[in-house]
């Protein structure tokens, strides 16, 4: 019985780990191909982070910013070729579905960044924003990020809470069925003797 419960518990942990890979891997040190803060245009990439040290000193965000207020924005020019062309950054309030309704919140005009870092500070209110990073040159490049400031990401909520909870409930139900079937077999064997 204990062996079966240990096996069921192990299955629950494996299921939770499979359904919620974010629990096993932190943002730092991830591969660029799977890092959610990296945007690719062909072979060229940029890495975006937002910081709000007034709330959490070391926390970094790239799509979901938990609070409103002063926000430091940092773009790392991963592709060394981008350090030789003017790169600019614009923040627009709105999801991008209607460009006429979008409001420019911050605009850093394209300039050279030989150190590979574009940075600045702005104040963000609650809502949706688009961060547009443009690299000028013969073949201009455009990278975009959609930011949610102090908003709930329901898909992430489902992935992080509901899916593992359903896995635990499924494993508990299977464990119950296993214990009940063993109990019924033992009872049936007692009736037959």
N, C-alpha and C. Protein backbone atom coordinates (compact mmCIF):
# COMPACT_ATOMS: atom_id res chain seq x y z
N UNK A 1 0.82 -1.19 0.00
CA UNK A 1 0.00 0.00 0.00
C UNK A 1 0.87 1.26 0.00
N UNK A 2 1.89 1.28 0.86
CA UNK A 2 2.78 2.44 0.92
C UNK A 2 3.54 2.59 -0.39
N UNK A 3 3.94 1.48 -0.98
CA UNK A 3 4.66 1.52 -2.24
C UNK A 3 3.79 2.12 -3.33
N UNK A 4 2.51 1.76 -3.35
CA UNK A 4 1.59 2.29 -4.36
C UNK A 4 1.35 3.79 -4.16
N UNK A 5 1.22 4.22 -2.91
CA UNK A 5 1.02 5.63 -2.64
C UNK A 5 2.28 6.44 -2.99
N UNK A 6 3.47 5.87 -2.74
CA UNK A 6 4.71 6.54 -3.12
C UNK A 6 4.79 6.68 -4.63
N UNK A 7 4.42 5.62 -5.33
CA UNK A 7 4.42 5.65 -6.79
C UNK A 7 3.43 6.70 -7.30
N UNK A 8 2.24 6.77 -6.70
CA UNK A 8 1.23 7.76 -7.10
C UNK A 8 1.74 9.18 -6.83
N UNK A 9 2.39 9.38 -5.68
CA UNK A 9 2.95 10.69 -5.35
C UNK A 9 4.03 11.11 -6.33
N UNK A 10 4.86 10.16 -6.74
CA UNK A 10 5.91 10.45 -7.72
C UNK A 10 5.30 10.83 -9.06
N UNK A 11 4.23 10.16 -9.42
CA UNK A 11 3.55 10.48 -10.68
C UNK A 11 2.96 11.89 -10.63
N UNK A 12 2.42 12.28 -9.49
CA UNK A 12 1.86 13.62 -9.34
C UNK A 12 2.97 14.66 -9.54
N UNK A 13 4.11 14.45 -8.90
CA UNK A 13 5.21 15.40 -9.04
C UNK A 13 5.71 15.48 -10.48
N UNK A 14 5.82 14.35 -11.15
CA UNK A 14 6.24 14.36 -12.55
C UNK A 14 5.23 15.08 -13.43
N UNK A 15 3.94 14.86 -13.16
CA UNK A 15 2.90 15.52 -13.94
C UNK A 15 2.94 17.03 -13.73
N UNK A 16 3.09 17.46 -12.49
CA UNK A 16 3.16 18.89 -12.21
C UNK A 16 4.38 19.50 -12.89
N UNK A 17 5.51 18.82 -12.82
CA UNK A 17 6.73 19.33 -13.48
C UNK A 17 6.55 19.40 -14.98
N UNK A 18 5.85 18.43 -15.56
CA UNK A 18 5.63 18.43 -17.01
C UNK A 18 4.67 19.53 -17.42
N UNK A 19 3.65 19.79 -16.61
CA UNK A 19 2.66 20.80 -16.96
C UNK A 19 3.15 22.21 -16.67
N UNK A 20 4.08 22.36 -15.76
CA UNK A 20 4.55 23.68 -15.38
C UNK A 20 6.07 23.74 -15.42
N UNK A 21 6.65 23.83 -16.63
CA UNK A 21 8.11 23.84 -16.73
C UNK A 21 8.73 25.07 -16.12
N UNK A 22 7.97 26.17 -15.94
CA UNK A 22 8.51 27.38 -15.33
C UNK A 22 8.96 27.17 -13.90
N UNK A 23 8.43 26.14 -13.25
CA UNK A 23 8.83 25.88 -11.87
C UNK A 23 10.25 25.35 -11.80
N UNK A 24 10.70 24.72 -12.87
CA UNK A 24 12.01 24.09 -12.85
C UNK A 24 13.11 24.98 -13.43
N UNK A 25 12.75 25.98 -14.22
CA UNK A 25 13.75 26.79 -14.90
C UNK A 25 13.50 28.26 -14.63
N UNK A 26 14.47 28.95 -14.14
CA UNK A 26 14.35 30.39 -13.94
C UNK A 26 14.70 31.10 -15.24
N UNK A 27 14.36 32.39 -15.32
CA UNK A 27 14.63 33.16 -16.53
C UNK A 27 16.12 33.28 -16.79
N UNK A 28 16.89 33.49 -15.75
CA UNK A 28 18.32 33.70 -15.93
C UNK A 28 18.99 32.43 -16.42
N UNK A 29 19.88 32.59 -17.38
CA UNK A 29 20.65 31.46 -17.86
C UNK A 29 19.93 30.62 -18.91
N UNK A 30 18.78 31.08 -19.38
CA UNK A 30 18.08 30.30 -20.39
C UNK A 30 18.73 30.51 -21.75
N UNK A 31 18.49 29.56 -22.62
CA UNK A 31 19.00 29.61 -23.97
C UNK A 31 18.28 30.72 -24.74
N UNK A 32 19.00 31.45 -25.58
CA UNK A 32 18.39 32.56 -26.31
C UNK A 32 17.22 32.13 -27.19
N UNK A 33 17.26 30.91 -27.72
CA UNK A 33 16.18 30.46 -28.61
C UNK A 33 14.85 30.30 -27.87
N UNK A 34 14.88 30.06 -26.58
CA UNK A 34 13.65 29.85 -25.83
C UNK A 34 13.37 30.97 -24.82
N UNK A 35 14.24 31.95 -24.71
CA UNK A 35 14.06 33.05 -23.78
C UNK A 35 12.90 33.93 -24.26
N UNK A 36 11.85 34.12 -23.43
CA UNK A 36 10.70 34.91 -23.87
C UNK A 36 11.01 36.40 -24.02
N UNK A 37 12.16 36.84 -23.54
CA UNK A 37 12.52 38.25 -23.63
C UNK A 37 13.36 38.56 -24.86
N UNK A 38 13.62 37.56 -25.69
CA UNK A 38 14.42 37.75 -26.90
C UNK A 38 13.49 37.79 -28.11
N UNK A 39 13.75 38.73 -29.02
CA UNK A 39 13.02 38.80 -30.28
C UNK A 39 14.03 38.64 -31.41
N UNK A 40 13.63 37.84 -32.40
CA UNK A 40 14.49 37.55 -33.54
C UNK A 40 13.89 38.14 -34.81
N UNK A 41 14.73 38.70 -35.66
CA UNK A 41 14.38 39.03 -37.04
C UNK A 41 15.50 38.42 -37.86
N UNK A 42 15.21 37.31 -38.49
CA UNK A 42 16.25 36.55 -39.19
C UNK A 42 17.26 36.03 -38.20
N UNK A 43 18.52 36.36 -38.40
CA UNK A 43 19.59 35.93 -37.50
C UNK A 43 19.91 36.97 -36.44
N UNK A 44 19.21 38.09 -36.48
CA UNK A 44 19.49 39.21 -35.59
C UNK A 44 18.54 39.17 -34.40
N UNK A 45 19.08 39.44 -33.19
CA UNK A 45 18.26 39.35 -31.97
C UNK A 45 18.53 40.51 -31.03
N UNK A 46 17.48 40.84 -30.26
CA UNK A 46 17.59 41.80 -29.16
C UNK A 46 16.97 41.16 -27.93
N UNK A 47 17.39 41.63 -26.76
CA UNK A 47 16.88 41.13 -25.49
C UNK A 47 16.35 42.32 -24.69
N UNK A 48 15.09 42.24 -24.25
CA UNK A 48 14.43 43.35 -23.56
C UNK A 48 14.16 43.00 -22.10
N UNK A 49 14.40 43.95 -21.20
CA UNK A 49 14.05 43.81 -19.79
C UNK A 49 13.52 45.13 -19.27
N UNK A 50 12.59 45.03 -18.33
CA UNK A 50 12.08 46.20 -17.62
C UNK A 50 12.33 45.99 -16.14
N UNK A 51 12.67 47.06 -15.45
CA UNK A 51 12.97 47.00 -14.02
C UNK A 51 12.17 48.07 -13.28
N UNK A 52 11.74 47.75 -12.07
CA UNK A 52 11.09 48.71 -11.18
C UNK A 52 11.73 48.57 -9.80
N UNK A 53 12.93 49.13 -9.64
CA UNK A 53 13.67 48.93 -8.38
C UNK A 53 12.98 49.53 -7.16
N UNK A 54 12.04 50.44 -7.35
CA UNK A 54 11.33 51.01 -6.21
C UNK A 54 10.42 49.98 -5.55
N UNK A 55 10.08 48.90 -6.27
CA UNK A 55 9.25 47.83 -5.71
C UNK A 55 10.07 46.59 -5.38
N UNK A 56 10.85 46.14 -6.36
CA UNK A 56 11.71 44.97 -6.18
C UNK A 56 13.04 45.28 -6.83
N UNK A 57 14.08 45.26 -6.03
CA UNK A 57 15.38 45.74 -6.49
C UNK A 57 15.95 44.94 -7.66
N UNK A 58 15.84 43.60 -7.62
CA UNK A 58 16.49 42.78 -8.63
C UNK A 58 15.54 42.13 -9.63
N UNK A 59 14.24 42.33 -9.50
CA UNK A 59 13.28 41.68 -10.40
C UNK A 59 13.36 42.28 -11.79
N UNK A 60 13.25 41.41 -12.80
CA UNK A 60 13.27 41.83 -14.20
C UNK A 60 12.04 41.27 -14.89
N UNK A 61 11.49 42.06 -15.80
CA UNK A 61 10.27 41.68 -16.50
C UNK A 61 10.47 41.93 -17.99
N UNK A 62 9.71 41.20 -18.79
CA UNK A 62 9.78 41.52 -20.22
C UNK A 62 8.41 41.61 -20.88
N UNK A 63 7.38 40.98 -20.37
CA UNK A 63 6.05 41.13 -20.96
C UNK A 63 4.99 41.49 -19.94
N UNK A 64 5.14 41.05 -18.73
CA UNK A 64 4.18 41.33 -17.66
C UNK A 64 4.86 42.13 -16.57
N UNK A 65 4.45 43.38 -16.42
CA UNK A 65 5.01 44.25 -15.40
C UNK A 65 3.96 44.38 -14.31
N UNK A 66 4.26 43.95 -13.09
CA UNK A 66 3.23 43.83 -12.07
C UNK A 66 2.66 45.14 -11.52
N UNK A 67 3.41 46.23 -11.60
CA UNK A 67 2.94 47.48 -11.00
C UNK A 67 3.12 48.66 -11.95
N UNK A 68 2.37 49.70 -11.68
CA UNK A 68 2.51 50.93 -12.46
C UNK A 68 3.64 51.77 -11.86
N UNK A 69 4.07 52.77 -12.61
CA UNK A 69 5.07 53.70 -12.07
C UNK A 69 6.32 53.79 -12.92
N UNK A 70 7.34 54.37 -12.32
CA UNK A 70 8.62 54.55 -13.02
C UNK A 70 9.20 53.19 -13.38
N UNK A 71 9.59 53.05 -14.64
CA UNK A 71 10.09 51.78 -15.14
C UNK A 71 11.34 52.04 -15.96
N UNK A 72 12.40 51.30 -15.66
CA UNK A 72 13.64 51.36 -16.42
C UNK A 72 13.57 50.31 -17.52
N UNK A 73 13.85 50.70 -18.75
CA UNK A 73 13.81 49.79 -19.89
C UNK A 73 15.22 49.61 -20.42
N UNK A 74 15.58 48.35 -20.65
CA UNK A 74 16.92 48.04 -21.14
C UNK A 74 16.81 47.07 -22.30
N UNK A 75 17.42 47.43 -23.42
CA UNK A 75 17.48 46.56 -24.59
C UNK A 75 18.94 46.21 -24.83
N UNK A 76 19.24 44.93 -24.77
CA UNK A 76 20.59 44.45 -25.10
C UNK A 76 20.61 44.08 -26.57
N UNK A 77 21.52 44.65 -27.31
CA UNK A 77 21.67 44.35 -28.73
C UNK A 77 22.52 43.10 -28.86
N UNK A 78 21.86 41.95 -28.90
CA UNK A 78 22.54 40.66 -28.91
C UNK A 78 23.40 40.53 -30.16
N UNK A 79 22.86 40.95 -31.29
CA UNK A 79 23.60 40.89 -32.55
C UNK A 79 24.62 42.02 -32.59
N UNK A 80 25.93 41.72 -32.64
CA UNK A 80 26.95 42.77 -32.66
C UNK A 80 26.80 43.75 -33.84
N UNK A 81 26.21 43.32 -34.95
CA UNK A 81 26.03 44.20 -36.11
C UNK A 81 25.10 45.36 -35.77
N UNK A 82 24.19 45.17 -34.81
CA UNK A 82 23.25 46.24 -34.44
C UNK A 82 23.96 47.39 -33.72
N UNK A 83 25.16 47.15 -33.24
CA UNK A 83 25.91 48.20 -32.54
C UNK A 83 26.50 49.22 -33.50
N UNK A 84 26.45 48.90 -34.80
CA UNK A 84 27.02 49.77 -35.82
C UNK A 84 25.97 50.54 -36.60
N UNK A 85 24.68 50.37 -36.24
CA UNK A 85 23.60 51.09 -36.92
C UNK A 85 22.77 51.82 -35.87
N UNK A 86 22.10 52.89 -36.28
CA UNK A 86 21.24 53.60 -35.33
C UNK A 86 20.07 52.71 -34.88
N UNK A 87 19.85 52.64 -33.58
CA UNK A 87 18.76 51.86 -33.00
C UNK A 87 17.95 52.79 -32.11
N UNK A 88 16.63 52.71 -32.27
CA UNK A 88 15.73 53.54 -31.46
C UNK A 88 14.67 52.69 -30.78
N UNK A 89 13.97 53.30 -29.84
CA UNK A 89 12.95 52.59 -29.08
C UNK A 89 11.75 53.51 -28.89
N UNK A 90 10.56 52.96 -29.12
CA UNK A 90 9.32 53.72 -28.94
C UNK A 90 8.35 52.87 -28.13
N UNK A 91 7.66 53.52 -27.20
CA UNK A 91 6.64 52.83 -26.41
C UNK A 91 5.31 53.48 -26.72
N UNK A 92 4.37 52.63 -27.15
CA UNK A 92 3.03 53.09 -27.52
C UNK A 92 2.02 52.47 -26.56
N UNK A 93 1.11 53.29 -26.03
CA UNK A 93 0.04 52.74 -25.19
C UNK A 93 -1.06 52.25 -26.11
N UNK A 94 -1.46 51.01 -25.91
CA UNK A 94 -2.46 50.37 -26.76
C UNK A 94 -1.91 49.06 -27.26
N UNK A 95 -2.81 48.17 -27.66
CA UNK A 95 -2.40 46.83 -28.08
C UNK A 95 -1.87 46.77 -29.50
N UNK A 96 -2.11 47.82 -30.28
CA UNK A 96 -1.63 47.81 -31.65
C UNK A 96 -2.70 47.47 -32.66
N UNK A 97 -3.92 47.13 -32.19
CA UNK A 97 -4.98 46.78 -33.11
C UNK A 97 -5.49 48.01 -33.86
N UNK A 98 -5.38 49.17 -33.24
CA UNK A 98 -5.80 50.41 -33.88
C UNK A 98 -4.69 51.44 -33.71
N UNK A 99 -3.88 51.61 -34.74
CA UNK A 99 -2.72 52.51 -34.66
C UNK A 99 -3.13 53.96 -34.44
N UNK A 100 -4.33 54.34 -34.90
CA UNK A 100 -4.78 55.72 -34.74
C UNK A 100 -5.03 56.05 -33.27
N UNK A 101 -5.43 55.05 -32.47
CA UNK A 101 -5.73 55.28 -31.06
C UNK A 101 -4.48 55.16 -30.18
N UNK A 102 -3.38 54.65 -30.72
CA UNK A 102 -2.17 54.44 -29.93
C UNK A 102 -1.56 55.79 -29.55
N UNK A 103 -1.07 55.87 -28.32
CA UNK A 103 -0.47 57.09 -27.79
C UNK A 103 1.00 56.81 -27.50
N UNK A 104 1.89 57.67 -28.03
CA UNK A 104 3.31 57.51 -27.76
C UNK A 104 3.60 57.95 -26.33
N UNK A 105 4.17 57.03 -25.54
CA UNK A 105 4.50 57.30 -24.15
C UNK A 105 5.96 57.72 -24.02
N UNK A 106 6.83 57.08 -24.80
CA UNK A 106 8.26 57.41 -24.77
C UNK A 106 8.83 57.14 -26.15
N UNK A 107 9.82 57.92 -26.52
CA UNK A 107 10.42 57.78 -27.84
C UNK A 107 11.89 58.15 -27.75
N UNK A 108 12.76 57.15 -27.91
CA UNK A 108 14.19 57.40 -27.96
C UNK A 108 14.61 57.28 -29.41
N UNK A 109 14.95 58.38 -29.98
CA UNK A 109 15.31 58.44 -31.40
C UNK A 109 16.50 57.54 -31.70
N UNK A 110 16.53 56.98 -32.91
CA UNK A 110 17.64 56.09 -33.29
C UNK A 110 19.00 56.79 -33.16
N UNK A 111 19.91 56.09 -32.52
CA UNK A 111 21.29 56.55 -32.40
C UNK A 111 22.18 55.33 -32.26
N UNK A 112 23.49 55.56 -32.35
CA UNK A 112 24.43 54.45 -32.25
C UNK A 112 24.63 54.07 -30.77
N UNK A 113 24.77 52.79 -30.53
CA UNK A 113 24.99 52.26 -29.18
C UNK A 113 26.14 51.26 -29.23
N UNK A 114 27.39 51.77 -29.28
CA UNK A 114 28.54 50.87 -29.41
C UNK A 114 28.71 49.91 -28.24
N UNK A 115 28.14 50.25 -27.08
CA UNK A 115 28.22 49.35 -25.93
C UNK A 115 27.17 48.24 -25.99
N UNK A 116 26.25 48.32 -26.97
CA UNK A 116 25.25 47.27 -27.15
C UNK A 116 24.06 47.38 -26.23
N UNK A 117 23.86 48.55 -25.59
CA UNK A 117 22.74 48.71 -24.64
C UNK A 117 21.97 49.98 -24.97
N UNK A 118 20.65 49.83 -25.15
CA UNK A 118 19.75 50.95 -25.29
C UNK A 118 18.95 50.99 -23.99
N UNK A 119 18.95 52.12 -23.31
CA UNK A 119 18.24 52.17 -22.03
C UNK A 119 17.57 53.52 -21.84
N UNK A 120 16.58 53.52 -20.97
CA UNK A 120 15.87 54.75 -20.65
C UNK A 120 14.86 54.49 -19.56
N UNK A 121 14.19 55.54 -19.14
CA UNK A 121 13.20 55.44 -18.08
C UNK A 121 11.93 56.13 -18.52
N UNK A 122 10.78 55.54 -18.14
CA UNK A 122 9.48 56.14 -18.41
C UNK A 122 8.52 55.74 -17.31
N UNK A 123 7.38 56.39 -17.28
CA UNK A 123 6.34 56.05 -16.32
C UNK A 123 5.23 55.32 -17.07
N UNK A 124 4.86 54.15 -16.56
CA UNK A 124 3.82 53.35 -17.20
C UNK A 124 2.61 53.25 -16.29
N UNK A 125 1.44 53.54 -16.86
CA UNK A 125 0.17 53.36 -16.16
C UNK A 125 -0.36 51.97 -16.46
N UNK A 126 -1.45 51.60 -15.82
CA UNK A 126 -2.07 50.30 -16.08
C UNK A 126 -2.55 50.22 -17.53
N UNK A 127 -2.33 49.07 -18.15
CA UNK A 127 -2.82 48.87 -19.51
C UNK A 127 -1.86 48.09 -20.38
N UNK A 128 -2.20 48.05 -21.66
CA UNK A 128 -1.39 47.37 -22.66
C UNK A 128 -0.49 48.37 -23.38
N UNK A 129 0.74 47.93 -23.67
CA UNK A 129 1.71 48.77 -24.36
C UNK A 129 2.41 47.93 -25.42
N UNK A 130 2.90 48.62 -26.44
CA UNK A 130 3.79 48.00 -27.42
C UNK A 130 5.14 48.69 -27.33
N UNK A 131 6.18 47.89 -27.24
CA UNK A 131 7.54 48.42 -27.29
C UNK A 131 8.06 48.07 -28.69
N UNK A 132 8.45 49.10 -29.42
CA UNK A 132 8.93 48.91 -30.78
C UNK A 132 10.39 49.34 -30.84
N UNK A 133 11.25 48.40 -31.23
CA UNK A 133 12.68 48.67 -31.34
C UNK A 133 13.01 48.63 -32.82
N UNK A 134 13.59 49.71 -33.33
CA UNK A 134 13.93 49.76 -34.74
C UNK A 134 15.43 49.94 -34.93
N UNK A 135 15.95 49.20 -35.86
CA UNK A 135 17.37 49.31 -36.23
C UNK A 135 17.40 49.78 -37.69
N UNK A 136 17.97 50.95 -37.90
CA UNK A 136 18.03 51.50 -39.25
C UNK A 136 19.20 50.90 -40.01
N UNK A 137 19.20 51.09 -41.31
CA UNK A 137 20.27 50.57 -42.14
C UNK A 137 19.72 50.18 -43.50
N UNK A 138 20.53 49.44 -44.28
CA UNK A 138 20.07 49.01 -45.60
C UNK A 138 18.82 48.15 -45.50
N UNK A 139 18.82 47.25 -44.55
CA UNK A 139 17.66 46.41 -44.29
C UNK A 139 17.15 46.73 -42.89
N UNK A 140 16.25 47.71 -42.77
CA UNK A 140 15.80 48.08 -41.42
C UNK A 140 15.12 46.90 -40.72
N UNK A 141 15.35 46.80 -39.42
CA UNK A 141 14.78 45.73 -38.61
C UNK A 141 13.82 46.33 -37.59
N UNK A 142 12.78 45.56 -37.26
CA UNK A 142 11.79 46.03 -36.28
C UNK A 142 11.42 44.88 -35.35
N UNK A 143 11.62 45.10 -34.07
CA UNK A 143 11.31 44.11 -33.03
C UNK A 143 10.16 44.68 -32.19
N UNK A 144 9.25 43.81 -31.74
CA UNK A 144 8.13 44.29 -30.94
C UNK A 144 7.91 43.42 -29.71
N UNK A 145 7.47 44.07 -28.66
CA UNK A 145 7.08 43.41 -27.42
C UNK A 145 5.71 43.96 -27.02
N UNK A 146 4.84 43.11 -26.56
CA UNK A 146 3.57 43.54 -25.99
C UNK A 146 3.72 43.48 -24.47
N UNK A 147 3.49 44.60 -23.81
CA UNK A 147 3.62 44.66 -22.35
C UNK A 147 2.23 44.75 -21.73
N UNK A 148 2.06 44.04 -20.62
CA UNK A 148 0.87 44.17 -19.79
C UNK A 148 1.33 44.77 -18.47
N UNK A 149 0.84 45.94 -18.15
CA UNK A 149 1.23 46.60 -16.91
C UNK A 149 0.07 46.51 -15.92
N UNK A 150 0.34 45.88 -14.79
CA UNK A 150 -0.60 45.68 -13.69
C UNK A 150 -1.91 45.06 -14.21
N UNK A 151 -1.77 44.05 -15.06
CA UNK A 151 -2.93 43.34 -15.59
C UNK A 151 -2.72 41.84 -15.36
N UNK A 152 -3.80 41.10 -15.31
CA UNK A 152 -3.73 39.66 -15.11
C UNK A 152 -3.61 38.98 -16.47
N UNK A 153 -2.63 38.11 -16.59
CA UNK A 153 -2.48 37.27 -17.79
C UNK A 153 -3.17 35.95 -17.49
N UNK A 154 -4.39 35.80 -17.97
CA UNK A 154 -5.19 34.64 -17.63
C UNK A 154 -4.60 33.34 -18.17
N UNK A 155 -3.95 33.39 -19.31
CA UNK A 155 -3.33 32.17 -19.85
C UNK A 155 -2.21 31.70 -18.92
N UNK A 156 -1.40 32.63 -18.43
CA UNK A 156 -0.33 32.26 -17.51
C UNK A 156 -0.92 31.74 -16.19
N UNK A 157 -2.02 32.35 -15.74
CA UNK A 157 -2.69 31.90 -14.52
C UNK A 157 -3.17 30.47 -14.66
N UNK A 158 -3.77 30.16 -15.81
CA UNK A 158 -4.24 28.79 -16.05
C UNK A 158 -3.07 27.84 -16.08
N UNK A 159 -2.00 28.21 -16.78
CA UNK A 159 -0.84 27.33 -16.87
C UNK A 159 -0.16 27.10 -15.54
N UNK A 160 -0.13 28.12 -14.69
CA UNK A 160 0.61 27.99 -13.44
C UNK A 160 -0.21 27.46 -12.27
N UNK A 161 -1.54 27.58 -12.33
CA UNK A 161 -2.36 27.15 -11.20
C UNK A 161 -3.32 26.04 -11.58
N UNK A 162 -4.15 26.28 -12.55
CA UNK A 162 -5.23 25.35 -12.88
C UNK A 162 -4.71 24.04 -13.44
N UNK A 163 -3.79 24.09 -14.40
CA UNK A 163 -3.29 22.85 -15.00
C UNK A 163 -2.62 21.94 -13.97
N UNK A 164 -1.71 22.43 -13.11
CA UNK A 164 -1.14 21.55 -12.09
C UNK A 164 -2.19 21.05 -11.09
N UNK A 165 -3.16 21.90 -10.75
CA UNK A 165 -4.21 21.48 -9.84
C UNK A 165 -5.03 20.34 -10.43
N UNK A 166 -5.35 20.45 -11.72
CA UNK A 166 -6.07 19.36 -12.38
C UNK A 166 -5.24 18.08 -12.39
N UNK A 167 -3.93 18.21 -12.58
CA UNK A 167 -3.05 17.05 -12.54
C UNK A 167 -3.05 16.39 -11.17
N UNK A 168 -3.00 17.19 -10.12
CA UNK A 168 -3.03 16.65 -8.76
C UNK A 168 -4.36 15.96 -8.50
N UNK A 169 -5.47 16.60 -8.91
CA UNK A 169 -6.78 15.98 -8.72
C UNK A 169 -6.91 14.67 -9.50
N UNK A 170 -6.38 14.63 -10.71
CA UNK A 170 -6.42 13.40 -11.51
C UNK A 170 -5.63 12.30 -10.81
N UNK A 171 -4.45 12.64 -10.32
CA UNK A 171 -3.63 11.63 -9.65
C UNK A 171 -4.29 11.17 -8.35
N UNK A 172 -4.95 12.07 -7.61
CA UNK A 172 -5.65 11.68 -6.39
C UNK A 172 -6.82 10.75 -6.73
N UNK A 173 -7.52 11.05 -7.80
CA UNK A 173 -8.64 10.20 -8.22
C UNK A 173 -8.13 8.82 -8.62
N UNK A 174 -7.03 8.77 -9.36
CA UNK A 174 -6.46 7.48 -9.77
C UNK A 174 -5.98 6.70 -8.54
N UNK A 175 -5.37 7.39 -7.57
CA UNK A 175 -4.95 6.72 -6.34
C UNK A 175 -6.14 6.17 -5.58
N UNK A 176 -7.23 6.94 -5.52
CA UNK A 176 -8.44 6.49 -4.86
C UNK A 176 -8.99 5.23 -5.54
N UNK A 177 -9.02 5.25 -6.87
CA UNK A 177 -9.53 4.10 -7.63
C UNK A 177 -8.65 2.87 -7.37
N UNK A 178 -7.34 3.07 -7.29
CA UNK A 178 -6.42 1.97 -7.05
C UNK A 178 -6.63 1.37 -5.66
N UNK A 179 -6.73 2.24 -4.65
CA UNK A 179 -6.96 1.76 -3.29
C UNK A 179 -8.32 1.09 -3.17
N UNK A 180 -9.33 1.67 -3.78
CA UNK A 180 -10.69 1.09 -3.73
C UNK A 180 -10.73 -0.27 -4.41
N UNK A 181 -10.08 -0.41 -5.56
CA UNK A 181 -10.10 -1.70 -6.25
C UNK A 181 -9.38 -2.76 -5.42
N UNK A 182 -8.28 -2.39 -4.77
CA UNK A 182 -7.57 -3.35 -3.92
C UNK A 182 -8.44 -3.74 -2.73
N UNK A 183 -9.14 -2.78 -2.13
CA UNK A 183 -10.03 -3.04 -1.01
C UNK A 183 -11.16 -3.98 -1.44
N UNK A 184 -11.73 -3.72 -2.63
CA UNK A 184 -12.80 -4.58 -3.12
C UNK A 184 -12.31 -6.00 -3.38
N UNK A 185 -11.10 -6.13 -3.93
CA UNK A 185 -10.54 -7.48 -4.16
C UNK A 185 -10.36 -8.21 -2.85
N UNK A 186 -9.81 -7.50 -1.84
CA UNK A 186 -9.60 -8.13 -0.54
C UNK A 186 -10.95 -8.52 0.10
N UNK A 187 -11.92 -7.68 -0.04
CA UNK A 187 -13.24 -7.96 0.53
C UNK A 187 -13.87 -9.14 -0.20
N UNK A 188 -13.77 -9.14 -1.52
CA UNK A 188 -14.32 -10.24 -2.31
C UNK A 188 -13.65 -11.57 -1.96
N UNK A 189 -12.32 -11.50 -1.76
CA UNK A 189 -11.59 -12.71 -1.40
C UNK A 189 -12.05 -13.20 -0.03
N UNK A 190 -12.36 -12.29 0.91
CA UNK A 190 -12.83 -12.67 2.24
C UNK A 190 -14.24 -13.29 2.18
N UNK A 191 -15.06 -12.81 1.27
CA UNK A 191 -16.43 -13.35 1.13
C UNK A 191 -16.38 -14.76 0.54
N UNK A 192 -15.47 -14.97 -0.40
CA UNK A 192 -15.38 -16.28 -1.08
C UNK A 192 -14.82 -17.35 -0.17
N UNK A 193 -14.02 -17.01 0.86
CA UNK A 193 -13.42 -18.05 1.68
C UNK A 193 -14.30 -18.55 2.78
